[in-house]
């Protein structure tokens, strides 16, 4: 019987740099009060990829998966509040 390999997401230095730049840009824009919907999507996408990667390999940080799940739920709540208040630029 052929062995089925798990899905692997290679995290290279270039990919880490791209994530770091996306997160920094999104954080700086939010800090300056520019609440843009696409920045929220950047955060959600990055947290989801990190969460998927963490579920495949055992993370070194205790409770990392639970923390990422809560971060994703928080971002969803922020999206809902922003939609209700119509604050997105």
PDB file of N, CA and C in Angstrom:
ATOM      1  N   UNK A   1       0.830  -1.168   0.000  1.00  0.00           N
ATOM      2  CA  UNK A   1       0.000   0.000   0.000  1.00  0.00           C
ATOM      3  C   UNK A   1       0.885   1.245   0.000  1.00  0.00           C
ATOM      4  N   UNK A   2       0.519   2.203  -0.858  1.00  0.00           N
ATOM      5  CA  UNK A   2       1.302   3.422  -0.984  1.00  0.00           C
ATOM      6  C   UNK A   2       1.034   4.359   0.186  1.00  0.00           C
ATOM      7  N   UNK A   3       2.099   4.903   0.739  1.00  0.00           N
ATOM      8  CA  UNK A   3       1.984   5.834   1.860  1.00  0.00           C
ATOM      9  C   UNK A   3       1.475   7.190   1.360  1.00  0.00           C
ATOM     10  N   UNK A   4       0.493   7.721   2.057  1.00  0.00           N
ATOM     11  CA  UNK A   4      -0.057   9.029   1.706  1.00  0.00           C
ATOM     12  C   UNK A   4       0.644  10.073   2.561  1.00  0.00           C
ATOM     13  N   UNK A   5       1.288  11.012   1.909  1.00  0.00           N
ATOM     14  CA  UNK A   5       2.001  12.078   2.617  1.00  0.00           C
ATOM     15  C   UNK A   5       1.027  13.156   3.058  1.00  0.00           C
ATOM     16  N   UNK A   6       1.318  13.734   4.213  1.00  0.00           N
ATOM     17  CA  UNK A   6       0.523  14.857   4.699  1.00  0.00           C
ATOM     18  C   UNK A   6       0.801  16.086   3.843  1.00  0.00           C
ATOM     19  N   UNK A   7      -0.180  16.968   3.821  1.00  0.00           N
ATOM     20  CA  UNK A   7       0.005  18.247   3.143  1.00  0.00           C
ATOM     21  C   UNK A   7       1.107  19.015   3.853  1.00  0.00           C
ATOM     22  N   UNK A   8       2.048  19.541   3.105  1.00  0.00           N
ATOM     23  CA  UNK A   8       3.145  20.308   3.701  1.00  0.00           C
ATOM     24  C   UNK A   8       3.164  21.698   3.093  1.00  0.00           C
ATOM     25  N   UNK A   9       3.346  22.652   3.942  1.00  0.00           N
ATOM     26  CA  UNK A   9       3.484  24.035   3.486  1.00  0.00           C
ATOM     27  C   UNK A   9       4.917  24.444   3.768  1.00  0.00           C
ATOM     28  N   UNK A  10       5.739  24.535   2.732  1.00  0.00           N
ATOM     29  CA  UNK A  10       7.132  24.920   2.987  1.00  0.00           C
ATOM     30  C   UNK A  10       7.212  26.385   3.389  1.00  0.00           C
ATOM     31  N   UNK A  11       7.870  26.638   4.489  1.00  0.00           N
ATOM     32  CA  UNK A  11       8.037  28.020   4.951  1.00  0.00           C
ATOM     33  C   UNK A  11       9.500  28.384   4.738  1.00  0.00           C
ATOM     34  N   UNK A  12       9.740  29.117   3.681  1.00  0.00           N
ATOM     35  CA  UNK A  12      11.093  29.524   3.326  1.00  0.00           C
ATOM     36  C   UNK A  12      11.358  30.909   3.904  1.00  0.00           C
ATOM     37  N   UNK A  13      12.600  31.331   3.836  1.00  0.00           N
ATOM     38  CA  UNK A  13      12.939  32.673   4.332  1.00  0.00           C
ATOM     39  C   UNK A  13      12.198  33.747   3.549  1.00  0.00           C
ATOM     40  N   UNK A  14      12.036  33.557   2.249  1.00  0.00           N
ATOM     41  CA  UNK A  14      11.305  34.526   1.444  1.00  0.00           C
ATOM     42  C   UNK A  14       9.853  34.631   1.858  1.00  0.00           C
ATOM     43  N   UNK A  15       9.258  33.476   2.164  1.00  0.00           N
ATOM     44  CA  UNK A  15       7.864  33.465   2.597  1.00  0.00           C
ATOM     45  C   UNK A  15       7.721  34.134   3.960  1.00  0.00           C
ATOM     46  N   UNK A  16       8.661  33.874   4.853  1.00  0.00           N
ATOM     47  CA  UNK A  16       8.646  34.533   6.159  1.00  0.00           C
ATOM     48  C   UNK A  16       8.785  36.042   5.998  1.00  0.00           C
ATOM     49  N   UNK A  17       9.656  36.479   5.102  1.00  0.00           N
ATOM     50  CA  UNK A  17       9.835  37.911   4.867  1.00  0.00           C
ATOM     51  C   UNK A  17       8.556  38.542   4.319  1.00  0.00           C
ATOM     52  N   UNK A  18       7.892  37.823   3.405  1.00  0.00           N
ATOM     53  CA  UNK A  18       6.657  38.331   2.818  1.00  0.00           C
ATOM     54  C   UNK A  18       5.584  38.468   3.904  1.00  0.00           C
ATOM     55  N   UNK A  19       5.449  37.462   4.754  1.00  0.00           N
ATOM     56  CA  UNK A  19       4.480  37.527   5.844  1.00  0.00           C
ATOM     57  C   UNK A  19       4.824  38.672   6.798  1.00  0.00           C
ATOM     58  N   UNK A  20       6.088  38.815   7.112  1.00  0.00           N
ATOM     59  CA  UNK A  20       6.503  39.879   8.034  1.00  0.00           C
ATOM     60  C   UNK A  20       6.169  41.248   7.458  1.00  0.00           C
ATOM     61  N   UNK A  21       6.419  41.462   6.184  1.00  0.00           N
ATOM     62  CA  UNK A  21       6.117  42.753   5.560  1.00  0.00           C
ATOM     63  C   UNK A  21       4.610  42.996   5.503  1.00  0.00           C
ATOM     64  N   UNK A  22       3.837  41.964   5.166  1.00  0.00           N
ATOM     65  CA  UNK A  22       2.384  42.114   5.123  1.00  0.00           C
ATOM     66  C   UNK A  22       1.839  42.469   6.496  1.00  0.00           C
ATOM     67  N   UNK A  23       2.317  41.773   7.529  1.00  0.00           N
ATOM     68  CA  UNK A  23       1.841  42.038   8.874  1.00  0.00           C
ATOM     69  C   UNK A  23       2.248  43.445   9.332  1.00  0.00           C
ATOM     70  N   UNK A  24       3.461  43.843   9.030  1.00  0.00           N
ATOM     71  CA  UNK A  24       3.933  45.174   9.455  1.00  0.00           C
ATOM     72  C   UNK A  24       3.143  46.280   8.761  1.00  0.00           C
ATOM     73  N   UNK A  25       2.897  46.130   7.467  1.00  0.00           N
ATOM     74  CA  UNK A  25       2.130  47.131   6.723  1.00  0.00           C
ATOM     75  C   UNK A  25       0.711  47.227   7.274  1.00  0.00           C
ATOM     76  N   UNK A  26       0.096  46.089   7.509  1.00  0.00           N
ATOM     77  CA  UNK A  26      -1.270  46.086   8.026  1.00  0.00           C
ATOM     78  C   UNK A  26      -1.320  46.701   9.427  1.00  0.00           C
ATOM     79  N   UNK A  27      -0.350  46.365  10.266  1.00  0.00           N
ATOM     80  CA  UNK A  27      -0.316  46.905  11.628  1.00  0.00           C
ATOM     81  C   UNK A  27      -0.100  48.421  11.613  1.00  0.00           C
ATOM     82  N   UNK A  28       0.829  48.890  10.796  1.00  0.00           N
ATOM     83  CA  UNK A  28       1.107  50.327  10.744  1.00  0.00           C
ATOM     84  C   UNK A  28      -0.106  51.101  10.251  1.00  0.00           C
ATOM     85  N   UNK A  29      -0.780  50.571   9.234  1.00  0.00           N
ATOM     86  CA  UNK A  29      -1.957  51.259   8.701  1.00  0.00           C
ATOM     87  C   UNK A  29      -3.067  51.319   9.752  1.00  0.00           C
ATOM     88  N   UNK A  30      -3.291  50.212  10.464  1.00  0.00           N
ATOM     89  CA  UNK A  30      -4.322  50.201  11.507  1.00  0.00           C
ATOM     90  C   UNK A  30      -3.942  51.150  12.641  1.00  0.00           C
ATOM     91  N   UNK A  31      -2.668  51.182  12.999  1.00  0.00           N
ATOM     92  CA  UNK A  31      -2.192  52.065  14.064  1.00  0.00           C
ATOM     93  C   UNK A  31      -2.431  53.527  13.715  1.00  0.00           C
ATOM     94  N   UNK A  32      -2.279  53.858  12.434  1.00  0.00           N
ATOM     95  CA  UNK A  32      -2.478  55.231  11.987  1.00  0.00           C
ATOM     96  C   UNK A  32      -3.941  55.566  11.748  1.00  0.00           C
ATOM     97  N   UNK A  33      -4.830  54.592  11.974  1.00  0.00           N
ATOM     98  CA  UNK A  33      -6.262  54.840  11.839  1.00  0.00           C
ATOM     99  C   UNK A  33      -6.827  54.565  10.467  1.00  0.00           C
ATOM    100  N   UNK A  34      -6.061  53.958   9.598  1.00  0.00           N
ATOM    101  CA  UNK A  34      -6.549  53.618   8.264  1.00  0.00           C
ATOM    102  C   UNK A  34      -7.119  52.206   8.309  1.00  0.00           C
ATOM    103  N   UNK A  35      -8.401  52.116   8.608  1.00  0.00           N
ATOM    104  CA  UNK A  35      -9.051  50.818   8.736  1.00  0.00           C
ATOM    105  C   UNK A  35      -9.559  50.369   7.373  1.00  0.00           C
ATOM    106  N   UNK A  36      -8.715  49.699   6.645  1.00  0.00           N
ATOM    107  CA  UNK A  36      -9.064  49.236   5.307  1.00  0.00           C
ATOM    108  C   UNK A  36      -9.381  47.751   5.351  1.00  0.00           C
ATOM    109  N   UNK A  37     -10.417  47.383   4.635  1.00  0.00           N
ATOM    110  CA  UNK A  37     -10.882  46.000   4.663  1.00  0.00           C
ATOM    111  C   UNK A  37      -9.831  45.037   4.135  1.00  0.00           C
ATOM    112  N   UNK A  38      -9.064  45.444   3.148  1.00  0.00           N
ATOM    113  CA  UNK A  38      -8.067  44.522   2.582  1.00  0.00           C
ATOM    114  C   UNK A  38      -6.966  44.212   3.600  1.00  0.00           C
ATOM    115  N   UNK A  39      -6.683  45.155   4.515  1.00  0.00           N
ATOM    116  CA  UNK A  39      -5.687  44.878   5.557  1.00  0.00           C
ATOM    117  C   UNK A  39      -6.198  43.823   6.530  1.00  0.00           C
ATOM    118  N   UNK A  40      -7.486  43.873   6.819  1.00  0.00           N
ATOM    119  CA  UNK A  40      -8.077  42.850   7.673  1.00  0.00           C
ATOM    120  C   UNK A  40      -7.994  41.481   6.997  1.00  0.00           C
ATOM    121  N   UNK A  41      -8.198  41.452   5.702  1.00  0.00           N
ATOM    122  CA  UNK A  41      -8.085  40.188   4.951  1.00  0.00           C
ATOM    123  C   UNK A  41      -6.648  39.667   4.979  1.00  0.00           C
ATOM    124  N   UNK A  42      -5.673  40.571   4.940  1.00  0.00           N
ATOM    125  CA  UNK A  42      -4.267  40.154   5.025  1.00  0.00           C
ATOM    126  C   UNK A  42      -4.025  39.439   6.345  1.00  0.00           C
ATOM    127  N   UNK A  43      -4.488  40.043   7.442  1.00  0.00           N
ATOM    128  CA  UNK A  43      -4.306  39.418   8.759  1.00  0.00           C
ATOM    129  C   UNK A  43      -5.002  38.071   8.830  1.00  0.00           C
ATOM    130  N   UNK A  44      -6.243  38.005   8.336  1.00  0.00           N
ATOM    131  CA  UNK A  44      -6.983  36.745   8.387  1.00  0.00           C
ATOM    132  C   UNK A  44      -6.278  35.662   7.575  1.00  0.00           C
ATOM    133  N   UNK A  45      -5.793  36.024   6.407  1.00  0.00           N
ATOM    134  CA  UNK A  45      -5.103  35.054   5.550  1.00  0.00           C
ATOM    135  C   UNK A  45      -3.825  34.548   6.214  1.00  0.00           C
ATOM    136  N   UNK A  46      -3.050  35.463   6.775  1.00  0.00           N
ATOM    137  CA  UNK A  46      -1.799  35.062   7.405  1.00  0.00           C
ATOM    138  C   UNK A  46      -2.034  34.189   8.634  1.00  0.00           C
ATOM    139  N   UNK A  47      -2.990  34.560   9.480  1.00  0.00           N
ATOM    140  CA  UNK A  47      -3.286  33.741  10.649  1.00  0.00           C
ATOM    141  C   UNK A  47      -3.791  32.364  10.246  1.00  0.00           C
ATOM    142  N   UNK A  48      -4.578  32.299   9.173  1.00  0.00           N
ATOM    143  CA  UNK A  48      -5.102  31.009   8.723  1.00  0.00           C
ATOM    144  C   UNK A  48      -3.988  30.103   8.204  1.00  0.00           C
ATOM    145  N   UNK A  49      -3.042  30.664   7.467  1.00  0.00           N
ATOM    146  CA  UNK A  49      -1.919  29.860   6.959  1.00  0.00           C
ATOM    147  C   UNK A  49      -1.041  29.382   8.117  1.00  0.00           C
ATOM    148  N   UNK A  50      -0.767  30.268   9.065  1.00  0.00           N
ATOM    149  CA  UNK A  50       0.033  29.881  10.229  1.00  0.00           C
ATOM    150  C   UNK A  50      -0.698  28.810  11.031  1.00  0.00           C
ATOM    151  N   UNK A  51      -2.017  28.950  11.154  1.00  0.00           N
ATOM    152  CA  UNK A  51      -2.827  27.965  11.887  1.00  0.00           C
ATOM    153  C   UNK A  51      -2.778  26.607  11.190  1.00  0.00           C
ATOM    154  N   UNK A  52      -2.899  26.609   9.879  1.00  0.00           N
ATOM    155  CA  UNK A  52      -2.829  25.352   9.115  1.00  0.00           C
ATOM    156  C   UNK A  52      -1.471  24.698   9.293  1.00  0.00           C
ATOM    157  N   UNK A  53      -0.433  25.478   9.206  1.00  0.00           N
ATOM    158  CA  UNK A  53       0.923  24.954   9.376  1.00  0.00           C
ATOM    159  C   UNK A  53       1.109  24.392  10.791  1.00  0.00           C
ATOM    160  N   UNK A  54       0.553  25.066  11.769  1.00  0.00           N
ATOM    161  CA  UNK A  54       0.689  24.608  13.148  1.00  0.00           C
ATOM    162  C   UNK A  54      -0.071  23.320  13.407  1.00  0.00           C
ATOM    163  N   UNK A  55      -1.167  23.115  12.686  1.00  0.00           N
ATOM    164  CA  UNK A  55      -1.924  21.879  12.887  1.00  0.00           C
ATOM    165  C   UNK A  55      -1.230  20.679  12.247  1.00  0.00           C
ATOM    166  N   UNK A  56      -0.353  20.933  11.290  1.00  0.00           N
ATOM    167  CA  UNK A  56       0.369  19.849  10.621  1.00  0.00           C
ATOM    168  C   UNK A  56       1.579  19.433  11.445  1.00  0.00           C
ATOM    169  N   UNK A  57       2.326  20.399  11.916  1.00  0.00           N
ATOM    170  CA  UNK A  57       3.495  20.103  12.745  1.00  0.00           C
ATOM    171  C   UNK A  57       3.235  20.594  14.156  1.00  0.00           C
ATOM    172  N   UNK A  58       3.729  19.907  15.115  1.00  0.00           N
ATOM    173  CA  UNK A  58       3.493  20.282  16.505  1.00  0.00           C
ATOM    174  C   UNK A  58       4.233  21.586  16.820  1.00  0.00           C
ATOM    175  N   UNK A  59       3.501  22.634  17.199  1.00  0.00           N
ATOM    176  CA  UNK A  59       4.181  23.897  17.496  1.00  0.00           C
ATOM    177  C   UNK A  59       4.989  23.798  18.788  1.00  0.00           C
ATOM    178  N   UNK A  60       6.058  24.588  18.855  1.00  0.00           N
ATOM    179  CA  UNK A  60       6.910  24.609  20.040  1.00  0.00           C
ATOM    180  C   UNK A  60       6.284  25.422  21.173  1.00  0.00           C
ATOM    181  N   UNK A  61       5.403  26.328  20.837  1.00  0.00           N
ATOM    182  CA  UNK A  61       4.773  27.195  21.833  1.00  0.00           C
ATOM    183  C   UNK A  61       3.506  26.506  22.353  1.00  0.00           C
ATOM    184  N   UNK A  62       3.402  26.338  23.673  1.00  0.00           N
ATOM    185  CA  UNK A  62       2.184  25.720  24.215  1.00  0.00           C
ATOM    186  C   UNK A  62       0.953  26.573  23.926  1.00  0.00           C
ATOM    187  N   UNK A  63      -0.135  25.948  23.604  1.00  0.00           N
ATOM    188  CA  UNK A  63      -1.426  26.602  23.330  1.00  0.00           C
ATOM    189  C   UNK A  63      -1.374  27.526  22.119  1.00  0.00           C
ATOM    190  N   UNK A  64      -0.447  27.291  21.207  1.00  0.00           N
ATOM    191  CA  UNK A  64      -0.337  28.146  20.019  1.00  0.00           C
ATOM    192  C   UNK A  64      -1.571  28.025  19.131  1.00  0.00           C
ATOM    193  N   UNK A  65      -2.054  26.819  18.942  1.00  0.00           N
ATOM    194  CA  UNK A  65      -3.207  26.617  18.054  1.00  0.00           C
ATOM    195  C   UNK A  65      -4.450  27.294  18.635  1.00  0.00           C
ATOM    196  N   UNK A  66      -4.655  27.140  19.949  1.00  0.00           N
ATOM    197  CA  UNK A  66      -5.809  27.784  20.586  1.00  0.00           C
ATOM    198  C   UNK A  66      -5.710  29.307  20.478  1.00  0.00           C
ATOM    199  N   UNK A  67      -4.515  29.840  20.628  1.00  0.00           N
ATOM    200  CA  UNK A  67      -4.306  31.288  20.519  1.00  0.00           C
ATOM    201  C   UNK A  67      -4.599  31.770  19.105  1.00  0.00           C
ATOM    202  N   UNK A  68      -4.138  31.025  18.103  1.00  0.00           N
ATOM    203  CA  UNK A  68      -4.412  31.392  16.712  1.00  0.00           C
ATOM    204  C   UNK A  68      -5.906  31.313  16.415  1.00  0.00           C
ATOM    205  N   UNK A  69      -6.577  30.288  16.941  1.00  0.00           N
ATOM    206  CA  UNK A  69      -8.031  30.182  16.748  1.00  0.00           C
ATOM    207  C   UNK A  69      -8.743  31.404  17.325  1.00  0.00           C
ATOM    208  N   UNK A  70      -8.333  31.835  18.512  1.00  0.00           N
ATOM    209  CA  UNK A  70      -8.935  33.008  19.132  1.00  0.00           C
ATOM    210  C   UNK A  70      -8.636  34.273  18.331  1.00  0.00           C
ATOM    211  N   UNK A  71      -7.438  34.370  17.776  1.00  0.00           N
ATOM    212  CA  UNK A  71      -7.091  35.531  16.947  1.00  0.00           C
ATOM    213  C   UNK A  71      -7.974  35.592  15.708  1.00  0.00           C
ATOM    214  N   UNK A  72      -8.224  34.450  15.111  1.00  0.00           N
ATOM    215  CA  UNK A  72      -9.077  34.406  13.917  1.00  0.00           C
ATOM    216  C   UNK A  72     -10.506  34.792  14.276  1.00  0.00           C
ATOM    217  N   UNK A  73     -11.011  34.294  15.410  1.00  0.00           N
ATOM    218  CA  UNK A  73     -12.357  34.655  15.869  1.00  0.00           C
ATOM    219  C   UNK A  73     -12.440  36.156  16.152  1.00  0.00           C
ATOM    220  N   UNK A  74     -11.399  36.711  16.755  1.00  0.00           N
ATOM    221  CA  UNK A  74     -11.364  38.142  17.045  1.00  0.00           C
ATOM    222  C   UNK A  74     -11.399  38.969  15.762  1.00  0.00           C
ATOM    223  N   UNK A  75     -10.631  38.552  14.762  1.00  0.00           N
ATOM    224  CA  UNK A  75     -10.640  39.270  13.485  1.00  0.00           C
ATOM    225  C   UNK A  75     -12.007  39.197  12.819  1.00  0.00           C
ATOM    226  N   UNK A  76     -12.686  38.069  12.950  1.00  0.00           N
ATOM    227  CA  UNK A  76     -14.038  37.950  12.394  1.00  0.00           C
ATOM    228  C   UNK A  76     -15.000  38.904  13.108  1.00  0.00           C
ATOM    229  N   UNK A  77     -14.837  39.039  14.434  1.00  0.00           N
ATOM    230  CA  UNK A  77     -15.677  39.970  15.192  1.00  0.00           C
ATOM    231  C   UNK A  77     -15.395  41.415  14.790  1.00  0.00           C
ATOM    232  N   UNK A  78     -14.118  41.741  14.577  1.00  0.00           N
ATOM    233  CA  UNK A  78     -13.747  43.085  14.124  1.00  0.00           C
ATOM    234  C   UNK A  78     -14.379  43.365  12.763  1.00  0.00           C
ATOM    235  N   UNK A  79     -14.337  42.383  11.874  1.00  0.00           N
ATOM    236  CA  UNK A  79     -14.947  42.548  10.545  1.00  0.00           C
ATOM    237  C   UNK A  79     -16.444  42.826  10.677  1.00  0.00           C
ATOM    238  N   UNK A  80     -17.117  42.070  11.530  1.00  0.00           N
ATOM    239  CA  UNK A  80     -18.557  42.251  11.716  1.00  0.00           C
ATOM    240  C   UNK A  80     -18.868  43.629  12.278  1.00  0.00           C
ATOM    241  N   UNK A  81     -18.122  44.056  13.298  1.00  0.00           N
ATOM    242  CA  UNK A  81     -18.338  45.392  13.889  1.00  0.00           C
ATOM    243  C   UNK A  81     -18.072  46.492  12.867  1.00  0.00           C
ATOM    244  N   UNK A  82     -17.016  46.322  12.062  1.00  0.00           N
ATOM    245  CA  UNK A  82     -16.698  47.313  11.042  1.00  0.00           C
ATOM    246  C   UNK A  82     -17.772  47.396   9.978  1.00  0.00           C
ATOM    247  N   UNK A  83     -18.339  46.257   9.613  1.00  0.00           N
ATOM    248  CA  UNK A  83     -19.423  46.254   8.645  1.00  0.00           C
ATOM    249  C   UNK A  83     -20.663  46.950   9.195  1.00  0.00           C
ATOM    250  N   UNK A  84     -20.947  46.688  10.482  1.00  0.00           N
ATOM    251  CA  UNK A  84     -22.121  47.310  11.109  1.00  0.00           C
ATOM    252  C   UNK A  84     -21.951  48.829  11.246  1.00  0.00           C
ATOM    253  N   UNK A  85     -20.723  49.267  11.549  1.00  0.00           N
ATOM    254  CA  UNK A  85     -20.469  50.698  11.752  1.00  0.00           C
ATOM    255  C   UNK A  85     -20.120  51.408  10.446  1.00  0.00           C
ATOM    256  N   UNK A  86     -19.905  50.664   9.380  1.00  0.00           N
ATOM    257  CA  UNK A  86     -19.555  51.218   8.072  1.00  0.00           C
ATOM    258  C   UNK A  86     -18.319  52.119   8.176  1.00  0.00           C
ATOM    259  N   UNK A  87     -17.237  51.570   8.774  1.00  0.00           N
ATOM    260  CA  UNK A  87     -16.010  52.365   8.971  1.00  0.00           C
ATOM    261  C   UNK A  87     -14.926  52.042   7.966  1.00  0.00           C
ATOM    262  N   UNK A  88     -15.122  51.073   7.119  1.00  0.00           N
ATOM    263  CA  UNK A  88     -14.045  50.652   6.206  1.00  0.00           C
ATOM    264  C   UNK A  88     -13.830  51.704   5.132  1.00  0.00           C
ATOM    265  N   UNK A  89     -12.558  51.956   4.849  1.00  0.00           N
ATOM    266  CA  UNK A  89     -12.199  52.905   3.793  1.00  0.00           C
ATOM    267  C   UNK A  89     -11.976  52.156   2.506  1.00  0.00           C
TER     268      UNK A  89
END
